[in-house]
Amino acid sequence: MTMLCTLANGQTAKITALPQGMSGRRLEALGLRPGKVVTKVSGMPFFGPVTIVLDGRQIAIGHGICCKVSVEPLAERKAEK
């Protein structure tokens, strides 16, 4: 099981599970749901917020909550020449 906070910058993944409780409901209010595809833009050092792209919008999520979001990394597409 891979967590959203462990993805490399620029890596794309599909959300498989959200945390239970209020934090999960807040993430759903932002548009994060199982099955959605997100791209990690950056993670700030020293456990700062993680920025992702979801449906063309950039969203910053706290590191602690981000580490509770399960994802399935998607294979990178190779650039065609």
PDB file of N, CA and C in Angstrom:
ATOM      1  N   MET A   1       0.851  -1.179   0.000  1.00  0.00           N
ATOM      2  CA  MET A   1       0.000   0.000   0.000  1.00  0.00           C
ATOM      3  C   MET A   1       0.893   1.237   0.000  1.00  0.00           C
ATOM      4  N   THR A   2       0.630   2.140  -0.934  1.00  0.00           N
ATOM      5  CA  THR A   2       1.412   3.359  -1.072  1.00  0.00           C
ATOM      6  C   THR A   2       0.596   4.534  -0.564  1.00  0.00           C
ATOM      7  N   MET A   3       1.251   5.449   0.097  1.00  0.00           N
ATOM      8  CA  MET A   3       0.579   6.644   0.602  1.00  0.00           C
ATOM      9  C   MET A   3       0.908   7.841  -0.275  1.00  0.00           C
ATOM     10  N   LEU A   4      -0.003   8.796  -0.333  1.00  0.00           N
ATOM     11  CA  LEU A   4       0.147   9.967  -1.185  1.00  0.00           C
ATOM     12  C   LEU A   4       1.416  10.754  -0.860  1.00  0.00           C
ATOM     13  N   CYS A   5       1.780  10.840   0.403  1.00  0.00           N
ATOM     14  CA  CYS A   5       2.953  11.630   0.786  1.00  0.00           C
ATOM     15  C   CYS A   5       4.264  11.003   0.315  1.00  0.00           C
ATOM     16  N   THR A   6       4.266   9.716  -0.023  1.00  0.00           N
ATOM     17  CA  THR A   6       5.508   9.050  -0.430  1.00  0.00           C
ATOM     18  C   THR A   6       5.748   9.098  -1.938  1.00  0.00           C
ATOM     19  N   LEU A   7       4.799   9.636  -2.708  1.00  0.00           N
ATOM     20  CA  LEU A   7       4.991   9.746  -4.154  1.00  0.00           C
ATOM     21  C   LEU A   7       6.113  10.738  -4.461  1.00  0.00           C
ATOM     22  N   ALA A   8       6.770  10.530  -5.570  1.00  0.00           N
ATOM     23  CA  ALA A   8       7.786  11.475  -6.031  1.00  0.00           C
ATOM     24  C   ALA A   8       7.087  12.680  -6.654  1.00  0.00           C
ATOM     25  N   ASN A   9       7.749  13.824  -6.633  1.00  0.00           N
ATOM     26  CA  ASN A   9       7.180  15.012  -7.269  1.00  0.00           C
ATOM     27  C   ASN A   9       6.952  14.738  -8.752  1.00  0.00           C
ATOM     28  N   GLY A  10       5.781  15.088  -9.247  1.00  0.00           N
ATOM     29  CA  GLY A  10       5.430  14.858 -10.638  1.00  0.00           C
ATOM     30  C   GLY A  10       4.802  13.508 -10.913  1.00  0.00           C
ATOM     31  N   GLN A  11       4.740  12.641  -9.911  1.00  0.00           N
ATOM     32  CA  GLN A  11       4.178  11.300 -10.104  1.00  0.00           C
ATOM     33  C   GLN A  11       2.651  11.344 -10.002  1.00  0.00           C
ATOM     34  N   THR A  12       2.000  10.531 -10.823  1.00  0.00           N
ATOM     35  CA  THR A  12       0.538  10.459 -10.875  1.00  0.00           C
ATOM     36  C   THR A  12       0.074   9.159 -10.236  1.00  0.00           C
ATOM     37  N   ALA A  13      -1.069   9.224  -9.541  1.00  0.00           N
ATOM     38  CA  ALA A  13      -1.603   8.034  -8.873  1.00  0.00           C
ATOM     39  C   ALA A  13      -3.121   8.133  -8.784  1.00  0.00           C
ATOM     40  N   LYS A  14      -3.745   6.978  -8.561  1.00  0.00           N
ATOM     41  CA  LYS A  14      -5.192   6.901  -8.379  1.00  0.00           C
ATOM     42  C   LYS A  14      -5.467   6.693  -6.894  1.00  0.00           C
ATOM     43  N   ILE A  15      -6.394   7.466  -6.345  1.00  0.00           N
ATOM     44  CA  ILE A  15      -6.743   7.351  -4.925  1.00  0.00           C
ATOM     45  C   ILE A  15      -7.507   6.046  -4.715  1.00  0.00           C
ATOM     46  N   THR A  16      -7.091   5.266  -3.705  1.00  0.00           N
ATOM     47  CA  THR A  16      -7.777   4.011  -3.402  1.00  0.00           C
ATOM     48  C   THR A  16      -8.560   4.073  -2.098  1.00  0.00           C
ATOM     49  N   ALA A  17      -8.125   4.907  -1.137  1.00  0.00           N
ATOM     50  CA  ALA A  17      -8.836   5.017   0.140  1.00  0.00           C
ATOM     51  C   ALA A  17      -8.494   6.328   0.830  1.00  0.00           C
ATOM     52  N   LEU A  18      -9.484   6.858   1.546  1.00  0.00           N
ATOM     53  CA  LEU A  18      -9.310   8.075   2.341  1.00  0.00           C
ATOM     54  C   LEU A  18      -9.383   7.713   3.818  1.00  0.00           C
ATOM     55  N   PRO A  19      -8.856   8.583   4.689  1.00  0.00           N
ATOM     56  CA  PRO A  19      -8.972   8.294   6.121  1.00  0.00           C
ATOM     57  C   PRO A  19     -10.428   8.374   6.583  1.00  0.00           C
ATOM     58  N   GLN A  20     -10.721   7.704   7.668  1.00  0.00           N
ATOM     59  CA  GLN A  20     -12.071   7.721   8.238  1.00  0.00           C
ATOM     60  C   GLN A  20     -12.282   9.009   9.024  1.00  0.00           C
ATOM     61  N   GLY A  21     -13.521   9.357   9.261  1.00  0.00           N
ATOM     62  CA  GLY A  21     -13.846  10.469  10.140  1.00  0.00           C
ATOM     63  C   GLY A  21     -13.881  11.814   9.440  1.00  0.00           C
ATOM     64  N   MET A  22     -13.721  12.852  10.247  1.00  0.00           N
ATOM     65  CA  MET A  22     -13.854  14.222   9.773  1.00  0.00           C
ATOM     66  C   MET A  22     -12.806  14.571   8.722  1.00  0.00           C
ATOM     67  N   SER A  23     -11.592  14.102   8.876  1.00  0.00           N
ATOM     68  CA  SER A  23     -10.552  14.433   7.887  1.00  0.00           C
ATOM     69  C   SER A  23     -10.900  13.850   6.522  1.00  0.00           C
ATOM     70  N   GLY A  24     -11.449  12.661   6.483  1.00  0.00           N
ATOM     71  CA  GLY A  24     -11.871  12.061   5.218  1.00  0.00           C
ATOM     72  C   GLY A  24     -13.008  12.834   4.567  1.00  0.00           C
ATOM     73  N   ARG A  25     -13.938  13.307   5.390  1.00  0.00           N
ATOM     74  CA  ARG A  25     -15.055  14.099   4.858  1.00  0.00           C
ATOM     75  C   ARG A  25     -14.571  15.444   4.323  1.00  0.00           C
ATOM     76  N   ARG A  26     -13.588  16.033   4.957  1.00  0.00           N
ATOM     77  CA  ARG A  26     -13.047  17.312   4.468  1.00  0.00           C
ATOM     78  C   ARG A  26     -12.325  17.121   3.144  1.00  0.00           C
ATOM     79  N   LEU A  27     -11.605  16.003   3.007  1.00  0.00           N
ATOM     80  CA  LEU A  27     -10.936  15.714   1.737  1.00  0.00           C
ATOM     81  C   LEU A  27     -11.968  15.491   0.635  1.00  0.00           C
ATOM     82  N   GLU A  28     -13.063  14.812   0.953  1.00  0.00           N
ATOM     83  CA  GLU A  28     -14.131  14.606  -0.031  1.00  0.00           C
ATOM     84  C   GLU A  28     -14.745  15.935  -0.448  1.00  0.00           C
ATOM     85  N   ALA A  29     -14.853  16.880   0.480  1.00  0.00           N
ATOM     86  CA  ALA A  29     -15.393  18.198   0.158  1.00  0.00           C
ATOM     87  C   ALA A  29     -14.473  18.939  -0.818  1.00  0.00           C
ATOM     88  N   LEU A  30     -13.176  18.625  -0.788  1.00  0.00           N
ATOM     89  CA  LEU A  30     -12.221  19.220  -1.726  1.00  0.00           C
ATOM     90  C   LEU A  30     -12.232  18.518  -3.083  1.00  0.00           C
ATOM     91  N   GLY A  31     -12.928  17.388  -3.167  1.00  0.00           N
ATOM     92  CA  GLY A  31     -13.023  16.666  -4.431  1.00  0.00           C
ATOM     93  C   GLY A  31     -12.230  15.376  -4.477  1.00  0.00           C
ATOM     94  N   LEU A  32     -11.494  15.056  -3.417  1.00  0.00           N
ATOM     95  CA  LEU A  32     -10.733  13.808  -3.388  1.00  0.00           C
ATOM     96  C   LEU A  32     -11.684  12.661  -3.058  1.00  0.00           C
ATOM     97  N   ARG A  33     -11.694  11.661  -3.921  1.00  0.00           N
ATOM     98  CA  ARG A  33     -12.527  10.483  -3.726  1.00  0.00           C
ATOM     99  C   ARG A  33     -11.790   9.281  -4.279  1.00  0.00           C
ATOM    100  N   PRO A  34     -12.078   8.090  -3.763  1.00  0.00           N
ATOM    101  CA  PRO A  34     -11.469   6.895  -4.351  1.00  0.00           C
ATOM    102  C   PRO A  34     -11.792   6.810  -5.840  1.00  0.00           C
ATOM    103  N   GLY A  35     -10.776   6.515  -6.645  1.00  0.00           N
ATOM    104  CA  GLY A  35     -10.933   6.426  -8.091  1.00  0.00           C
ATOM    105  C   GLY A  35     -10.443   7.661  -8.817  1.00  0.00           C
ATOM    106  N   LYS A  36     -10.318   8.796  -8.136  1.00  0.00           N
ATOM    107  CA  LYS A  36      -9.827  10.024  -8.758  1.00  0.00           C
ATOM    108  C   LYS A  36      -8.319   9.927  -8.978  1.00  0.00           C
ATOM    109  N   VAL A  37      -7.847  10.554 -10.058  1.00  0.00           N
ATOM    110  CA  VAL A  37      -6.419  10.559 -10.385  1.00  0.00           C
ATOM    111  C   VAL A  37      -5.836  11.901  -9.965  1.00  0.00           C
ATOM    112  N   VAL A  38      -4.734  11.858  -9.227  1.00  0.00           N
ATOM    113  CA  VAL A  38      -4.055  13.063  -8.756  1.00  0.00           C
ATOM    114  C   VAL A  38      -2.584  13.014  -9.155  1.00  0.00           C
ATOM    115  N   THR A  39      -1.978  14.187  -9.247  1.00  0.00           N
ATOM    116  CA  THR A  39      -0.546  14.300  -9.510  1.00  0.00           C
ATOM    117  C   THR A  39       0.079  15.099  -8.383  1.00  0.00           C
ATOM    118  N   LYS A  40       1.131  14.562  -7.775  1.00  0.00           N
ATOM    119  CA  LYS A  40       1.825  15.285  -6.711  1.00  0.00           C
ATOM    120  C   LYS A  40       2.731  16.328  -7.358  1.00  0.00           C
ATOM    121  N   VAL A  41       2.537  17.585  -6.985  1.00  0.00           N
ATOM    122  CA  VAL A  41       3.346  18.671  -7.525  1.00  0.00           C
ATOM    123  C   VAL A  41       4.604  18.832  -6.686  1.00  0.00           C
ATOM    124  N   SER A  42       4.430  18.959  -5.370  1.00  0.00           N
ATOM    125  CA  SER A  42       5.578  19.143  -4.490  1.00  0.00           C
ATOM    126  C   SER A  42       5.209  18.813  -3.058  1.00  0.00           C
ATOM    127  N   GLY A  43       6.234  18.542  -2.286  1.00  0.00           N
ATOM    128  CA  GLY A  43       6.095  18.342  -0.855  1.00  0.00           C
ATOM    129  C   GLY A  43       7.096  19.251  -0.167  1.00  0.00           C
ATOM    130  N   MET A  44       6.625  20.052   0.759  1.00  0.00           N
ATOM    131  CA  MET A  44       7.503  20.979   1.461  1.00  0.00           C
ATOM    132  C   MET A  44       8.367  20.221   2.466  1.00  0.00           C
ATOM    133  N   PRO A  45       9.583  20.707   2.707  1.00  0.00           N
ATOM    134  CA  PRO A  45      10.454  20.032   3.668  1.00  0.00           C
ATOM    135  C   PRO A  45       9.943  20.165   5.102  1.00  0.00           C
ATOM    136  N   PHE A  46      10.446  19.315   5.963  1.00  0.00           N
ATOM    137  CA  PHE A  46      10.108  19.341   7.393  1.00  0.00           C
ATOM    138  C   PHE A  46       8.612  19.157   7.635  1.00  0.00           C
ATOM    139  N   PHE A  47       8.021  18.221   6.897  1.00  0.00           N
ATOM    140  CA  PHE A  47       6.619  17.831   7.086  1.00  0.00           C
ATOM    141  C   PHE A  47       5.639  18.967   6.810  1.00  0.00           C
ATOM    142  N   GLY A  48       5.969  19.791   5.831  1.00  0.00           N
ATOM    143  CA  GLY A  48       5.070  20.870   5.407  1.00  0.00           C
ATOM    144  C   GLY A  48       3.993  20.323   4.499  1.00  0.00           C
ATOM    145  N   PRO A  49       3.125  21.189   3.991  1.00  0.00           N
ATOM    146  CA  PRO A  49       2.014  20.731   3.150  1.00  0.00           C
ATOM    147  C   PRO A  49       2.473  20.120   1.826  1.00  0.00           C
ATOM    148  N   VAL A  50       1.640  19.246   1.304  1.00  0.00           N
ATOM    149  CA  VAL A  50       1.874  18.585   0.020  1.00  0.00           C
ATOM    150  C   VAL A  50       0.895  19.181  -0.979  1.00  0.00           C
ATOM    151  N   THR A  51       1.403  19.588  -2.132  1.00  0.00           N
ATOM    152  CA  THR A  51       0.560  20.180  -3.172  1.00  0.00           C
ATOM    153  C   THR A  51       0.289  19.133  -4.242  1.00  0.00           C
ATOM    154  N   ILE A  52      -0.999  18.999  -4.608  1.00  0.00           N
ATOM    155  CA  ILE A  52      -1.397  18.050  -5.649  1.00  0.00           C
ATOM    156  C   ILE A  52      -2.235  18.774  -6.691  1.00  0.00           C
ATOM    157  N   VAL A  53      -2.359  18.146  -7.857  1.00  0.00           N
ATOM    158  CA  VAL A  53      -3.268  18.635  -8.892  1.00  0.00           C
ATOM    159  C   VAL A  53      -4.403  17.629  -9.004  1.00  0.00           C
ATOM    160  N   LEU A  54      -5.629  18.139  -8.891  1.00  0.00           N
ATOM    161  CA  LEU A  54      -6.830  17.318  -8.991  1.00  0.00           C
ATOM    162  C   LEU A  54      -7.822  18.054  -9.875  1.00  0.00           C
ATOM    163  N   ASP A  55      -8.208  17.445 -10.966  1.00  0.00           N
ATOM    164  CA  ASP A  55      -9.179  18.043 -11.895  1.00  0.00           C
ATOM    165  C   ASP A  55      -8.759  19.443 -12.350  1.00  0.00           C
ATOM    166  N   GLY A  56      -7.458  19.632 -12.578  1.00  0.00           N
ATOM    167  CA  GLY A  56      -6.962  20.913 -13.069  1.00  0.00           C
ATOM    168  C   GLY A  56      -6.768  21.976 -12.002  1.00  0.00           C
ATOM    169  N   ARG A  57      -6.992  21.632 -10.739  1.00  0.00           N
ATOM    170  CA  ARG A  57      -6.815  22.589  -9.634  1.00  0.00           C
ATOM    171  C   ARG A  57      -5.673  22.136  -8.746  1.00  0.00           C
ATOM    172  N   GLN A  58      -4.921  23.103  -8.207  1.00  0.00           N
ATOM    173  CA  GLN A  58      -3.878  22.770  -7.240  1.00  0.00           C
ATOM    174  C   GLN A  58      -4.476  22.870  -5.846  1.00  0.00           C
ATOM    175  N   ILE A  59      -4.197  21.849  -5.037  1.00  0.00           N
ATOM    176  CA  ILE A  59      -4.711  21.786  -3.673  1.00  0.00           C
ATOM    177  C   ILE A  59      -3.544  21.470  -2.749  1.00  0.00           C
ATOM    178  N   ALA A  60      -3.451  22.187  -1.633  1.00  0.00           N
ATOM    179  CA  ALA A  60      -2.432  21.898  -0.617  1.00  0.00           C
ATOM    180  C   ALA A  60      -3.101  21.137   0.527  1.00  0.00           C
ATOM    181  N   ILE A  61      -2.462  20.029   0.923  1.00  0.00           N
ATOM    182  CA  ILE A  61      -2.989  19.185   1.995  1.00  0.00           C
ATOM    183  C   ILE A  61      -1.895  19.040   3.045  1.00  0.00           C
ATOM    184  N   GLY A  62      -2.269  19.080   4.304  1.00  0.00           N
ATOM    185  CA  GLY A  62      -1.312  18.901   5.386  1.00  0.00           C
ATOM    186  C   GLY A  62      -0.627  17.542   5.292  1.00  0.00           C
ATOM    187  N   HIS A  63       0.631  17.500   5.693  1.00  0.00           N
ATOM    188  CA  HIS A  63       1.443  16.279   5.575  1.00  0.00           C
ATOM    189  C   HIS A  63       0.835  15.108   6.342  1.00  0.00           C
ATOM    190  N   GLY A  64       0.347  15.356   7.556  1.00  0.00           N
ATOM    191  CA  GLY A  64      -0.217  14.275   8.367  1.00  0.00           C
ATOM    192  C   GLY A  64      -1.416  13.613   7.718  1.00  0.00           C
ATOM    193  N   ILE A  65      -2.320  14.403   7.172  1.00  0.00           N
ATOM    194  CA  ILE A  65      -3.508  13.866   6.501  1.00  0.00           C
ATOM    195  C   ILE A  65      -3.109  13.203   5.191  1.00  0.00           C
ATOM    196  N   CYS A  66      -2.164  13.823   4.486  1.00  0.00           N
ATOM    197  CA  CYS A  66      -1.704  13.288   3.206  1.00  0.00           C
ATOM    198  C   CYS A  66      -1.131  11.874   3.371  1.00  0.00           C
ATOM    199  N   CYS A  67      -0.505  11.617   4.500  1.00  0.00           N
ATOM    200  CA  CYS A  67       0.082  10.297   4.749  1.00  0.00           C
ATOM    201  C   CYS A  67      -0.961   9.248   5.110  1.00  0.00           C
ATOM    202  N   LYS A  68      -2.230   9.637   5.191  1.00  0.00           N
ATOM    203  CA  LYS A  68      -3.313   8.689   5.463  1.00  0.00           C
ATOM    204  C   LYS A  68      -4.138   8.394   4.216  1.00  0.00           C
ATOM    205  N   VAL A  69      -3.770   9.003   3.072  1.00  0.00           N
ATOM    206  CA  VAL A  69      -4.485   8.788   1.815  1.00  0.00           C
ATOM    207  C   VAL A  69      -3.766   7.688   1.030  1.00  0.00           C
ATOM    208  N   SER A  70      -4.428   6.562   0.812  1.00  0.00           N
ATOM    209  CA  SER A  70      -3.842   5.448   0.062  1.00  0.00           C
ATOM    210  C   SER A  70      -4.013   5.682  -1.431  1.00  0.00           C
ATOM    211  N   VAL A  71      -2.951   5.412  -2.183  1.00  0.00           N
ATOM    212  CA  VAL A  71      -2.990   5.596  -3.633  1.00  0.00           C
ATOM    213  C   VAL A  71      -2.365   4.400  -4.340  1.00  0.00           C
ATOM    214  N   GLU A  72      -2.665   4.289  -5.623  1.00  0.00           N
ATOM    215  CA  GLU A  72      -2.061   3.277  -6.495  1.00  0.00           C
ATOM    216  C   GLU A  72      -1.307   4.036  -7.586  1.00  0.00           C
ATOM    217  N   PRO A  73       0.033   4.037  -7.539  1.00  0.00           N
ATOM    218  CA  PRO A  73       0.806   4.770  -8.560  1.00  0.00           C
ATOM    219  C   PRO A  73       0.485   4.258  -9.958  1.00  0.00           C
ATOM    220  N   LEU A  74       0.369   5.180 -10.897  1.00  0.00           N
ATOM    221  CA  LEU A  74       0.101   4.829 -12.284  1.00  0.00           C
ATOM    222  C   LEU A  74       1.414   4.808 -13.053  1.00  0.00           C
ATOM    223  N   ALA A  75       1.488   3.940 -14.044  1.00  0.00           N
ATOM    224  CA  ALA A  75       2.697   3.825 -14.864  1.00  0.00           C
ATOM    225  C   ALA A  75       2.905   5.119 -15.628  1.00  0.00           C
ATOM    226  N   GLU A  76       4.136   5.548 -15.668  1.00  0.00           N
ATOM    227  CA  GLU A  76       4.464   6.768 -16.417  1.00  0.00           C
ATOM    228  C   GLU A  76       4.430   6.462 -17.901  1.00  0.00           C
ATOM    229  N   ARG A  77       3.865   7.370 -18.660  1.00  0.00           N
ATOM    230  CA  ARG A  77       3.849   7.205 -20.106  1.00  0.00           C
ATOM    231  C   ARG A  77       5.176   7.663 -20.679  1.00  0.00           C
ATOM    232  N   LYS A  78       5.726   6.888 -21.575  1.00  0.00           N
ATOM    233  CA  LYS A  78       6.980   7.275 -22.215  1.00  0.00           C
ATOM    234  C   LYS A  78       6.683   8.245 -23.357  1.00  0.00           C
ATOM    235  N   ALA A  79       7.499   9.270 -23.441  1.00  0.00           N
ATOM    236  CA  ALA A  79       7.304  10.263 -24.492  1.00  0.00           C
ATOM    237  C   ALA A  79       7.601   9.644 -25.853  1.00  0.00           C
ATOM    238  N   GLU A  80       6.724   9.916 -26.815  1.00  0.00           N
ATOM    239  CA  GLU A  80       6.931   9.395 -28.152  1.00  0.00           C
ATOM    240  C   GLU A  80       7.805  10.345 -28.940  1.00  0.00           C
ATOM    241  N   LYS A  81       8.666   9.765 -29.797  1.00  0.00           N
ATOM    242  CA  LYS A  81       9.561  10.612 -30.607  1.00  0.00           C
ATOM    243  C   LYS A  81       9.005  10.808 -31.976  1.00  0.00           C
TER     244      LYS A  81
END
